[in-house]
């Protein structure tokens, strides 16, 4: 075997020189010495370092905002706000469904269901029951609105024979500022009162709705016998909840100046009999 081959076997990792020379003076400006494995390791390390730096820039700096397809801060904020709004609307819809379910149960003579327990439980039967109640109630409300519009011009004002002899308790004592006028789209009366005046139930009955709206503030509805329903709006506070039994003269709320369409402290009072409005002043002395 030749001497050259022996030297090659003894030194398998041959060293290489990488140098930069000055073209005029031939002086070395930059020199790197190393083996082939060291060069490969240096290149691999450089690639890894570049990848790590790129990842850090994209993940932890605003540079990621310029990348196409990446959501901006405003987009993320809008997504969160929309999610919160959807969750709020779902909760309100569930409450409305449960209230409609209780109304149908009370009308049928059944005990109302507790809203708190139903909202916190995931009972499938309750969900089906409330969905069916919502469908039935939506159809009933639509028919009731159409019938009430048609009946305004067909039924003259006057006492109903089925209500004669009934003793109604005045909901409040005050001045009637706007009387019952269904022809003008006002099938109720407005009674001016002082702020936080006690509002009383006109008859014995059961609370079938108690809720808040931006237009009319706190509202409460009471189901009475003989298919009578009394409605009290523009309250500043409710003192009874759905399912409560009340007697004539029982305080159910505090009237005031609540709601965006309110023009001052007053009580908006409605009286409905068999699905159509009637004039409360024919039966109640305000």
C-alpha atoms as a PDB file:
ATOM      1  CA  UNK A   1       0.000   0.000   0.000  1.00  0.00           C
ATOM      2  CA  UNK A   2       1.335   3.432  -0.884  1.00  0.00           C
ATOM      3  CA  UNK A   3       2.288   6.056   1.664  1.00  0.00           C
ATOM      4  CA  UNK A   4      -0.411   8.430   0.326  1.00  0.00           C
ATOM      5  CA  UNK A   5      -3.199   5.970   1.021  1.00  0.00           C
ATOM      6  CA  UNK A   6      -1.899   5.346   4.531  1.00  0.00           C
ATOM      7  CA  UNK A   7      -1.981   9.064   5.313  1.00  0.00           C
ATOM      8  CA  UNK A   8      -5.564   9.296   4.031  1.00  0.00           C
ATOM      9  CA  UNK A   9      -6.708   6.504   6.339  1.00  0.00           C
ATOM     10  CA  UNK A  10      -4.995   8.102   9.319  1.00  0.00           C
ATOM     11  CA  UNK A  11      -6.680  11.508   8.705  1.00  0.00           C
ATOM     12  CA  UNK A  12     -10.259  10.843   7.533  1.00  0.00           C
ATOM     13  CA  UNK A  13     -11.495  14.385   8.506  1.00  0.00           C
ATOM     14  CA  UNK A  14      -9.542  16.553   6.168  1.00  0.00           C
ATOM     15  CA  UNK A  15      -9.494  20.275   6.933  1.00  0.00           C
ATOM     16  CA  UNK A  16     -10.456  22.897   4.413  1.00  0.00           C
ATOM     17  CA  UNK A  17      -9.601  26.567   4.143  1.00  0.00           C
ATOM     18  CA  UNK A  18     -12.050  29.266   3.121  1.00  0.00           C
ATOM     19  CA  UNK A  19     -10.345  32.602   2.592  1.00  0.00           C
ATOM     20  CA  UNK A  20     -11.032  36.023   1.092  1.00  0.00           C
ATOM     21  CA  UNK A  21      -8.015  37.751  -0.491  1.00  0.00           C
ATOM     22  CA  UNK A  22      -7.385  41.313  -1.466  1.00  0.00           C
ATOM     23  CA  UNK A  23      -7.061  41.295  -5.265  1.00  0.00           C
ATOM     24  CA  UNK A  24      -4.271  43.848  -5.295  1.00  0.00           C
ATOM     25  CA  UNK A  25      -2.164  43.021  -2.275  1.00  0.00           C
ATOM     26  CA  UNK A  26      -3.155  39.331  -1.989  1.00  0.00           C
ATOM     27  CA  UNK A  27      -3.504  39.778   1.752  1.00  0.00           C
ATOM     28  CA  UNK A  28      -5.971  37.574   3.616  1.00  0.00           C
ATOM     29  CA  UNK A  29      -9.102  39.526   4.636  1.00  0.00           C
ATOM     30  CA  UNK A  30     -11.134  36.613   6.016  1.00  0.00           C
ATOM     31  CA  UNK A  31     -10.093  33.047   6.822  1.00  0.00           C
ATOM     32  CA  UNK A  32     -12.187  30.086   7.971  1.00  0.00           C
ATOM     33  CA  UNK A  33     -10.687  26.681   8.602  1.00  0.00           C
ATOM     34  CA  UNK A  34     -12.656  23.543   9.340  1.00  0.00           C
ATOM     35  CA  UNK A  35     -13.688  20.086   8.366  1.00  0.00           C
ATOM     36  CA  UNK A  36     -16.544  19.056   6.102  1.00  0.00           C
ATOM     37  CA  UNK A  37     -18.668  18.002   9.086  1.00  0.00           C
ATOM     38  CA  UNK A  38     -18.119  21.346  10.766  1.00  0.00           C
ATOM     39  CA  UNK A  39     -19.285  23.154   7.619  1.00  0.00           C
ATOM     40  CA  UNK A  40     -22.471  21.050   7.475  1.00  0.00           C
ATOM     41  CA  UNK A  41     -23.135  21.683  11.172  1.00  0.00           C
ATOM     42  CA  UNK A  42     -22.641  25.435  10.690  1.00  0.00           C
ATOM     43  CA  UNK A  43     -25.081  25.543   7.772  1.00  0.00           C
ATOM     44  CA  UNK A  44     -27.696  23.490   9.692  1.00  0.00           C
ATOM     45  CA  UNK A  45     -27.298  25.679  12.776  1.00  0.00           C
ATOM     46  CA  UNK A  46     -27.723  28.832  10.672  1.00  0.00           C
ATOM     47  CA  UNK A  47     -30.930  27.484   9.113  1.00  0.00           C
ATOM     48  CA  UNK A  48     -32.328  26.561  12.544  1.00  0.00           C
ATOM     49  CA  UNK A  49     -31.395  29.973  13.957  1.00  0.00           C
ATOM     50  CA  UNK A  50     -33.127  31.747  11.045  1.00  0.00           C
ATOM     51  CA  UNK A  51     -36.256  29.624  11.583  1.00  0.00           C
ATOM     52  CA  UNK A  52     -36.339  30.394  15.321  1.00  0.00           C
ATOM     53  CA  UNK A  53     -35.892  34.140  14.711  1.00  0.00           C
ATOM     54  CA  UNK A  54     -38.642  34.124  12.062  1.00  0.00           C
ATOM     55  CA  UNK A  55     -41.027  32.266  14.395  1.00  0.00           C
ATOM     56  CA  UNK A  56     -40.376  34.718  17.233  1.00  0.00           C
ATOM     57  CA  UNK A  57     -40.982  37.696  14.945  1.00  0.00           C
ATOM     58  CA  UNK A  58     -44.271  36.265  13.693  1.00  0.00           C
ATOM     59  CA  UNK A  59     -45.542  35.026  17.060  1.00  0.00           C
ATOM     60  CA  UNK A  60     -44.530  37.824  19.431  1.00  0.00           C
ATOM     61  CA  UNK A  61     -44.276  41.031  17.369  1.00  0.00           C
ATOM     62  CA  UNK A  62     -46.732  43.108  15.271  1.00  0.00           C
ATOM     63  CA  UNK A  63     -45.036  41.779  12.129  1.00  0.00           C
ATOM     64  CA  UNK A  64     -47.687  39.025  12.017  1.00  0.00           C
ATOM     65  CA  UNK A  65     -50.361  41.656  11.306  1.00  0.00           C
ATOM     66  CA  UNK A  66     -48.971  42.236   7.800  1.00  0.00           C
ATOM     67  CA  UNK A  67     -49.292  38.558   6.874  1.00  0.00           C
ATOM     68  CA  UNK A  68     -52.310  37.864   4.627  1.00  0.00           C
ATOM     69  CA  UNK A  69     -55.132  35.954   6.309  1.00  0.00           C
ATOM     70  CA  UNK A  70     -54.112  36.778   9.870  1.00  0.00           C
ATOM     71  CA  UNK A  71     -56.906  38.519  11.868  1.00  0.00           C
ATOM     72  CA  UNK A  72     -56.263  42.052  13.067  1.00  0.00           C
ATOM     73  CA  UNK A  73     -56.961  43.369  16.569  1.00  0.00           C
ATOM     74  CA  UNK A  74     -60.192  45.037  15.424  1.00  0.00           C
ATOM     75  CA  UNK A  75     -61.383  41.814  13.776  1.00  0.00           C
ATOM     76  CA  UNK A  76     -60.694  39.803  16.920  1.00  0.00           C
ATOM     77  CA  UNK A  77     -62.459  42.409  19.080  1.00  0.00           C
ATOM     78  CA  UNK A  78     -65.515  42.389  16.791  1.00  0.00           C
ATOM     79  CA  UNK A  79     -65.585  38.589  16.901  1.00  0.00           C
ATOM     80  CA  UNK A  80     -65.568  38.631  20.712  1.00  0.00           C
ATOM     81  CA  UNK A  81     -68.281  41.309  20.840  1.00  0.00           C
ATOM     82  CA  UNK A  82     -70.430  39.341  18.398  1.00  0.00           C
ATOM     83  CA  UNK A  83     -70.003  36.179  20.459  1.00  0.00           C
ATOM     84  CA  UNK A  84     -71.069  38.015  23.619  1.00  0.00           C
ATOM     85  CA  UNK A  85     -74.067  39.516  21.802  1.00  0.00           C
ATOM     86  CA  UNK A  86     -75.156  36.121  20.450  1.00  0.00           C
ATOM     87  CA  UNK A  87     -74.874  34.593  23.916  1.00  0.00           C
ATOM     88  CA  UNK A  88     -76.974  37.433  25.372  1.00  0.00           C
ATOM     89  CA  UNK A  89     -79.626  37.039  22.674  1.00  0.00           C
ATOM     90  CA  UNK A  90     -79.761  33.276  23.243  1.00  0.00           C
ATOM     91  CA  UNK A  91     -80.289  33.848  26.977  1.00  0.00           C
ATOM     92  CA  UNK A  92     -83.063  36.366  26.368  1.00  0.00           C
ATOM     93  CA  UNK A  93     -84.721  34.006  23.877  1.00  0.00           C
ATOM     94  CA  UNK A  94     -84.628  31.168  26.405  1.00  0.00           C
ATOM     95  CA  UNK A  95     -86.202  33.420  29.035  1.00  0.00           C
ATOM     96  CA  UNK A  96     -88.944  34.475  26.624  1.00  0.00           C
ATOM     97  CA  UNK A  97     -89.641  30.853  25.706  1.00  0.00           C
ATOM     98  CA  UNK A  98     -89.908  29.897  29.361  1.00  0.00           C
ATOM     99  CA  UNK A  99     -92.207  32.823  30.086  1.00  0.00           C
ATOM    100  CA  UNK A 100     -94.484  31.809  27.220  1.00  0.00           C
ATOM    101  CA  UNK A 101     -94.462  28.258  28.564  1.00  0.00           C
ATOM    102  CA  UNK A 102     -95.539  29.487  31.993  1.00  0.00           C
ATOM    103  CA  UNK A 103     -98.309  31.599  30.470  1.00  0.00           C
ATOM    104  CA  UNK A 104     -99.712  28.563  28.673  1.00  0.00           C
ATOM    105  CA  UNK A 105     -99.440  26.470  31.846  1.00  0.00           C
ATOM    106  CA  UNK A 106    -101.181  29.106  33.983  1.00  0.00           C
ATOM    107  CA  UNK A 107    -103.997  29.496  31.441  1.00  0.00           C
ATOM    108  CA  UNK A 108    -104.385  25.703  31.439  1.00  0.00           C
ATOM    109  CA  UNK A 109    -104.640  25.754  35.249  1.00  0.00           C
ATOM    110  CA  UNK A 110    -101.218  24.195  35.857  1.00  0.00           C
ATOM    111  CA  UNK A 111     -98.538  25.394  38.247  1.00  0.00           C
ATOM    112  CA  UNK A 112     -95.840  27.604  36.629  1.00  0.00           C
ATOM    113  CA  UNK A 113     -92.337  26.230  36.269  1.00  0.00           C
ATOM    114  CA  UNK A 114     -89.452  27.909  38.162  1.00  0.00           C
ATOM    115  CA  UNK A 115     -87.422  29.911  35.658  1.00  0.00           C
ATOM    116  CA  UNK A 116     -84.124  29.693  37.547  1.00  0.00           C
ATOM    117  CA  UNK A 117     -84.028  25.907  37.597  1.00  0.00           C
ATOM    118  CA  UNK A 118     -85.057  25.630  33.958  1.00  0.00           C
ATOM    119  CA  UNK A 119     -82.412  28.081  32.794  1.00  0.00           C
ATOM    120  CA  UNK A 120     -79.679  26.223  34.651  1.00  0.00           C
ATOM    121  CA  UNK A 121     -80.754  22.723  33.568  1.00  0.00           C
ATOM    122  CA  UNK A 122     -80.429  21.051  30.193  1.00  0.00           C
ATOM    123  CA  UNK A 123     -83.577  18.953  30.361  1.00  0.00           C
ATOM    124  CA  UNK A 124     -84.513  17.772  26.859  1.00  0.00           C
ATOM    125  CA  UNK A 125     -88.214  17.453  27.633  1.00  0.00           C
ATOM    126  CA  UNK A 126     -88.329  21.043  28.916  1.00  0.00           C
ATOM    127  CA  UNK A 127     -86.539  22.257  25.810  1.00  0.00           C
ATOM    128  CA  UNK A 128     -89.039  20.514  23.529  1.00  0.00           C
ATOM    129  CA  UNK A 129     -91.955  21.786  25.577  1.00  0.00           C
ATOM    130  CA  UNK A 130     -90.721  25.396  25.472  1.00  0.00           C
ATOM    131  CA  UNK A 131     -90.044  25.230  21.732  1.00  0.00           C
ATOM    132  CA  UNK A 132     -93.593  24.027  21.082  1.00  0.00           C
ATOM    133  CA  UNK A 133     -94.955  26.729  23.391  1.00  0.00           C
ATOM    134  CA  UNK A 134     -93.010  29.368  21.476  1.00  0.00           C
ATOM    135  CA  UNK A 135     -94.487  28.248  18.154  1.00  0.00           C
ATOM    136  CA  UNK A 136     -98.024  28.212  19.530  1.00  0.00           C
ATOM    137  CA  UNK A 137     -97.584  31.571  21.233  1.00  0.00           C
ATOM    138  CA  UNK A 138     -96.085  33.200  18.146  1.00  0.00           C
ATOM    139  CA  UNK A 139     -99.110  32.147  16.087  1.00  0.00           C
ATOM    140  CA  UNK A 140    -101.486  33.304  18.830  1.00  0.00           C
ATOM    141  CA  UNK A 141     -99.798  36.707  19.124  1.00  0.00           C
ATOM    142  CA  UNK A 142     -99.972  37.233  15.349  1.00  0.00           C
ATOM    143  CA  UNK A 143    -103.651  36.275  15.226  1.00  0.00           C
ATOM    144  CA  UNK A 144    -104.359  38.460  18.263  1.00  0.00           C
ATOM    145  CA  UNK A 145    -102.755  41.498  16.648  1.00  0.00           C
ATOM    146  CA  UNK A 146    -104.684  41.012  13.408  1.00  0.00           C
ATOM    147  CA  UNK A 147    -107.965  40.457  15.247  1.00  0.00           C
ATOM    148  CA  UNK A 148    -107.407  43.485  17.500  1.00  0.00           C
ATOM    149  CA  UNK A 149    -106.812  45.750  14.487  1.00  0.00           C
ATOM    150  CA  UNK A 150    -109.994  44.523  12.823  1.00  0.00           C
ATOM    151  CA  UNK A 151    -112.053  44.668  16.007  1.00  0.00           C
ATOM    152  CA  UNK A 152    -111.190  48.272  16.772  1.00  0.00           C
ATOM    153  CA  UNK A 153    -113.583  49.446  14.090  1.00  0.00           C
ATOM    154  CA  UNK A 154    -116.196  46.684  14.531  1.00  0.00           C
ATOM    155  CA  UNK A 155    -116.903  46.743  18.264  1.00  0.00           C
ATOM    156  CA  UNK A 156    -118.317  49.931  19.784  1.00  0.00           C
ATOM    157  CA  UNK A 157    -117.112  51.018  23.192  1.00  0.00           C
ATOM    158  CA  UNK A 158    -119.296  49.953  26.102  1.00  0.00           C
ATOM    159  CA  UNK A 159    -119.452  47.701  29.086  1.00  0.00           C
ATOM    160  CA  UNK A 160    -119.226  43.955  28.575  1.00  0.00           C
ATOM    161  CA  UNK A 161    -122.180  42.061  30.118  1.00  0.00           C
ATOM    162  CA  UNK A 162    -119.788  39.412  31.429  1.00  0.00           C
ATOM    163  CA  UNK A 163    -117.894  42.019  33.484  1.00  0.00           C
ATOM    164  CA  UNK A 164    -120.834  43.881  34.979  1.00  0.00           C
ATOM    165  CA  UNK A 165    -120.938  43.616  38.737  1.00  0.00           C
ATOM    166  CA  UNK A 166    -117.179  42.965  39.091  1.00  0.00           C
ATOM    167  CA  UNK A 167    -115.351  45.222  41.550  1.00  0.00           C
ATOM    168  CA  UNK A 168    -111.999  46.467  40.236  1.00  0.00           C
ATOM    169  CA  UNK A 169    -109.362  47.959  42.525  1.00  0.00           C
ATOM    170  CA  UNK A 170    -107.777  51.143  41.082  1.00  0.00           C
ATOM    171  CA  UNK A 171    -104.144  50.425  40.095  1.00  0.00           C
ATOM    172  CA  UNK A 172    -103.109  53.983  41.068  1.00  0.00           C
ATOM    173  CA  UNK A 173    -104.691  57.286  42.000  1.00  0.00           C
ATOM    174  CA  UNK A 174    -103.788  60.007  39.537  1.00  0.00           C
ATOM    175  CA  UNK A 175    -104.807  62.102  36.559  1.00  0.00           C
ATOM    176  CA  UNK A 176    -105.655  60.395  33.275  1.00  0.00           C
ATOM    177  CA  UNK A 177    -103.491  62.241  30.753  1.00  0.00           C
ATOM    178  CA  UNK A 178    -104.471  60.133  27.728  1.00  0.00           C
ATOM    179  CA  UNK A 179    -107.722  58.230  27.561  1.00  0.00           C
ATOM    180  CA  UNK A 180    -108.639  54.968  25.882  1.00  0.00           C
ATOM    181  CA  UNK A 181    -108.811  55.531  22.098  1.00  0.00           C
ATOM    182  CA  UNK A 182    -108.324  52.380  19.960  1.00  0.00           C
ATOM    183  CA  UNK A 183    -109.236  54.249  16.781  1.00  0.00           C
ATOM    184  CA  UNK A 184    -106.102  56.361  17.292  1.00  0.00           C
ATOM    185  CA  UNK A 185    -103.941  53.338  18.083  1.00  0.00           C
ATOM    186  CA  UNK A 186    -104.156  53.927  21.830  1.00  0.00           C
ATOM    187  CA  UNK A 187    -106.120  50.978  23.323  1.00  0.00           C
ATOM    188  CA  UNK A 188    -105.034  51.809  26.873  1.00  0.00           C
ATOM    189  CA  UNK A 189    -104.869  54.746  29.275  1.00  0.00           C
ATOM    190  CA  UNK A 190    -102.001  56.778  30.713  1.00  0.00           C
ATOM    191  CA  UNK A 191    -102.241  57.982  34.307  1.00  0.00           C
ATOM    192  CA  UNK A 192     -99.878  60.682  35.579  1.00  0.00           C
ATOM    193  CA  UNK A 193     -98.463  59.873  39.017  1.00  0.00           C
ATOM    194  CA  UNK A 194     -95.507  60.780  41.184  1.00  0.00           C
ATOM    195  CA  UNK A 195     -92.298  58.849  40.701  1.00  0.00           C
ATOM    196  CA  UNK A 196     -92.165  55.462  42.487  1.00  0.00           C
ATOM    197  CA  UNK A 197     -95.919  55.404  43.128  1.00  0.00           C
ATOM    198  CA  UNK A 198     -97.188  51.980  44.264  1.00  0.00           C
ATOM    199  CA  UNK A 199     -99.089  50.086  41.553  1.00  0.00           C
ATOM    200  CA  UNK A 200    -101.776  47.645  42.738  1.00  0.00           C
ATOM    201  CA  UNK A 201    -103.384  44.642  41.060  1.00  0.00           C
ATOM    202  CA  UNK A 202    -106.951  45.429  39.981  1.00  0.00           C
ATOM    203  CA  UNK A 203    -108.217  41.887  40.716  1.00  0.00           C
ATOM    204  CA  UNK A 204    -107.056  38.609  42.183  1.00  0.00           C
ATOM    205  CA  UNK A 205    -104.818  36.751  39.771  1.00  0.00           C
ATOM    206  CA  UNK A 206    -101.434  35.292  38.851  1.00  0.00           C
ATOM    207  CA  UNK A 207     -98.408  37.096  37.415  1.00  0.00           C
ATOM    208  CA  UNK A 208     -97.768  35.678  33.941  1.00  0.00           C
ATOM    209  CA  UNK A 209     -95.028  38.061  32.738  1.00  0.00           C
ATOM    210  CA  UNK A 210     -92.484  40.337  34.381  1.00  0.00           C
ATOM    211  CA  UNK A 211     -89.732  41.799  32.201  1.00  0.00           C
ATOM    212  CA  UNK A 212     -87.811  44.892  31.050  1.00  0.00           C
ATOM    213  CA  UNK A 213     -87.829  46.629  27.664  1.00  0.00           C
ATOM    214  CA  UNK A 214     -85.911  49.709  26.571  1.00  0.00           C
ATOM    215  CA  UNK A 215     -89.107  51.408  25.354  1.00  0.00           C
ATOM    216  CA  UNK A 216     -91.462  50.852  28.312  1.00  0.00           C
ATOM    217  CA  UNK A 217     -89.140  50.046  31.228  1.00  0.00           C
ATOM    218  CA  UNK A 218     -90.325  47.336  33.624  1.00  0.00           C
ATOM    219  CA  UNK A 219     -93.577  45.617  32.613  1.00  0.00           C
ATOM    220  CA  UNK A 220     -95.804  43.226  34.524  1.00  0.00           C
ATOM    221  CA  UNK A 221     -98.906  41.296  33.421  1.00  0.00           C
ATOM    222  CA  UNK A 222    -101.503  39.607  35.625  1.00  0.00           C
ATOM    223  CA  UNK A 223    -103.952  36.908  34.529  1.00  0.00           C
ATOM    224  CA  UNK A 224    -107.373  37.155  36.217  1.00  0.00           C
ATOM    225  CA  UNK A 225    -110.520  35.074  36.071  1.00  0.00           C
ATOM    226  CA  UNK A 226    -113.126  35.544  33.300  1.00  0.00           C
ATOM    227  CA  UNK A 227    -110.327  35.720  30.673  1.00  0.00           C
ATOM    228  CA  UNK A 228    -109.125  39.088  31.956  1.00  0.00           C
ATOM    229  CA  UNK A 229    -105.511  40.283  31.741  1.00  0.00           C
ATOM    230  CA  UNK A 230    -104.216  43.537  33.222  1.00  0.00           C
ATOM    231  CA  UNK A 231    -100.949  45.078  31.999  1.00  0.00           C
ATOM    232  CA  UNK A 232     -98.853  47.705  33.798  1.00  0.00           C
ATOM    233  CA  UNK A 233     -95.963  49.458  32.032  1.00  0.00           C
ATOM    234  CA  UNK A 234     -93.335  52.193  32.626  1.00  0.00           C
ATOM    235  CA  UNK A 235     -92.485  50.834  36.086  1.00  0.00           C
ATOM    236  CA  UNK A 236     -89.201  51.646  37.781  1.00  0.00           C
ATOM    237  CA  UNK A 237     -89.235  48.454  39.854  1.00  0.00           C
ATOM    238  CA  UNK A 238     -91.094  45.132  39.926  1.00  0.00           C
ATOM    239  CA  UNK A 239     -92.193  43.688  43.272  1.00  0.00           C
ATOM    240  CA  UNK A 240     -93.600  40.389  41.989  1.00  0.00           C
ATOM    241  CA  UNK A 241     -92.236  37.663  39.733  1.00  0.00           C
ATOM    242  CA  UNK A 242     -93.789  35.220  37.284  1.00  0.00           C
ATOM    243  CA  UNK A 243     -96.017  32.682  39.024  1.00  0.00           C
ATOM    244  CA  UNK A 244     -96.802  34.827  42.093  1.00  0.00           C
ATOM    245  CA  UNK A 245    -100.413  34.863  43.225  1.00  0.00           C
ATOM    246  CA  UNK A 246    -101.707  38.375  43.945  1.00  0.00           C
ATOM    247  CA  UNK A 247    -104.889  39.724  45.459  1.00  0.00           C
ATOM    248  CA  UNK A 248    -106.840  42.826  44.466  1.00  0.00           C
ATOM    249  CA  UNK A 249    -105.024  45.814  45.940  1.00  0.00           C
ATOM    250  CA  UNK A 250    -101.672  43.990  46.271  1.00  0.00           C
ATOM    251  CA  UNK A 251     -98.700  46.153  45.259  1.00  0.00           C
ATOM    252  CA  UNK A 252     -97.039  44.624  42.197  1.00  0.00           C
ATOM    253  CA  UNK A 253     -94.658  47.394  41.070  1.00  0.00           C
ATOM    254  CA  UNK A 254     -93.582  51.028  41.367  1.00  0.00           C
ATOM    255  CA  UNK A 255     -94.631  53.382  38.563  1.00  0.00           C
ATOM    256  CA  UNK A 256     -92.333  56.087  37.283  1.00  0.00           C
ATOM    257  CA  UNK A 257     -90.540  57.505  34.273  1.00  0.00           C
ATOM    258  CA  UNK A 258     -88.931  54.325  32.925  1.00  0.00           C
ATOM    259  CA  UNK A 259     -88.436  53.608  29.239  1.00  0.00           C
ATOM    260  CA  UNK A 260     -87.264  55.651  26.270  1.00  0.00           C
ATOM    261  CA  UNK A 261     -90.810  56.532  25.086  1.00  0.00           C
ATOM    262  CA  UNK A 262     -91.931  57.781  28.496  1.00  0.00           C
ATOM    263  CA  UNK A 263     -92.660  61.516  28.701  1.00  0.00           C
ATOM    264  CA  UNK A 264     -92.829  61.706  32.499  1.00  0.00           C
ATOM    265  CA  UNK A 265     -93.785  59.693  35.585  1.00  0.00           C
ATOM    266  CA  UNK A 266     -96.974  57.831  34.708  1.00  0.00           C
ATOM    267  CA  UNK A 267     -98.579  54.398  34.534  1.00  0.00           C
ATOM    268  CA  UNK A 268     -99.447  52.826  31.200  1.00  0.00           C
ATOM    269  CA  UNK A 269    -102.443  50.573  32.017  1.00  0.00           C
ATOM    270  CA  UNK A 270    -104.137  48.054  29.738  1.00  0.00           C
ATOM    271  CA  UNK A 271    -107.122  45.798  30.366  1.00  0.00           C
ATOM    272  CA  UNK A 272    -107.821  42.871  28.013  1.00  0.00           C
ATOM    273  CA  UNK A 273    -110.884  40.618  27.946  1.00  0.00           C
ATOM    274  CA  UNK A 274    -111.043  37.494  25.797  1.00  0.00           C
ATOM    275  CA  UNK A 275    -108.166  38.656  23.611  1.00  0.00           C
ATOM    276  CA  UNK A 276    -109.344  42.206  22.916  1.00  0.00           C
ATOM    277  CA  UNK A 277    -108.726  45.507  24.745  1.00  0.00           C
ATOM    278  CA  UNK A 278    -111.464  47.169  26.776  1.00  0.00           C
ATOM    279  CA  UNK A 279    -111.779  50.646  28.259  1.00  0.00           C
ATOM    280  CA  UNK A 280    -110.593  50.485  31.900  1.00  0.00           C
ATOM    281  CA  UNK A 281    -112.368  53.760  32.752  1.00  0.00           C
ATOM    282  CA  UNK A 282    -115.738  52.005  32.288  1.00  0.00           C
ATOM    283  CA  UNK A 283    -115.022  49.801  35.309  1.00  0.00           C
ATOM    284  CA  UNK A 284    -112.452  51.692  37.393  1.00  0.00           C
ATOM    285  CA  UNK A 285    -112.696  55.111  39.001  1.00  0.00           C
ATOM    286  CA  UNK A 286    -109.294  56.758  38.630  1.00  0.00           C
END
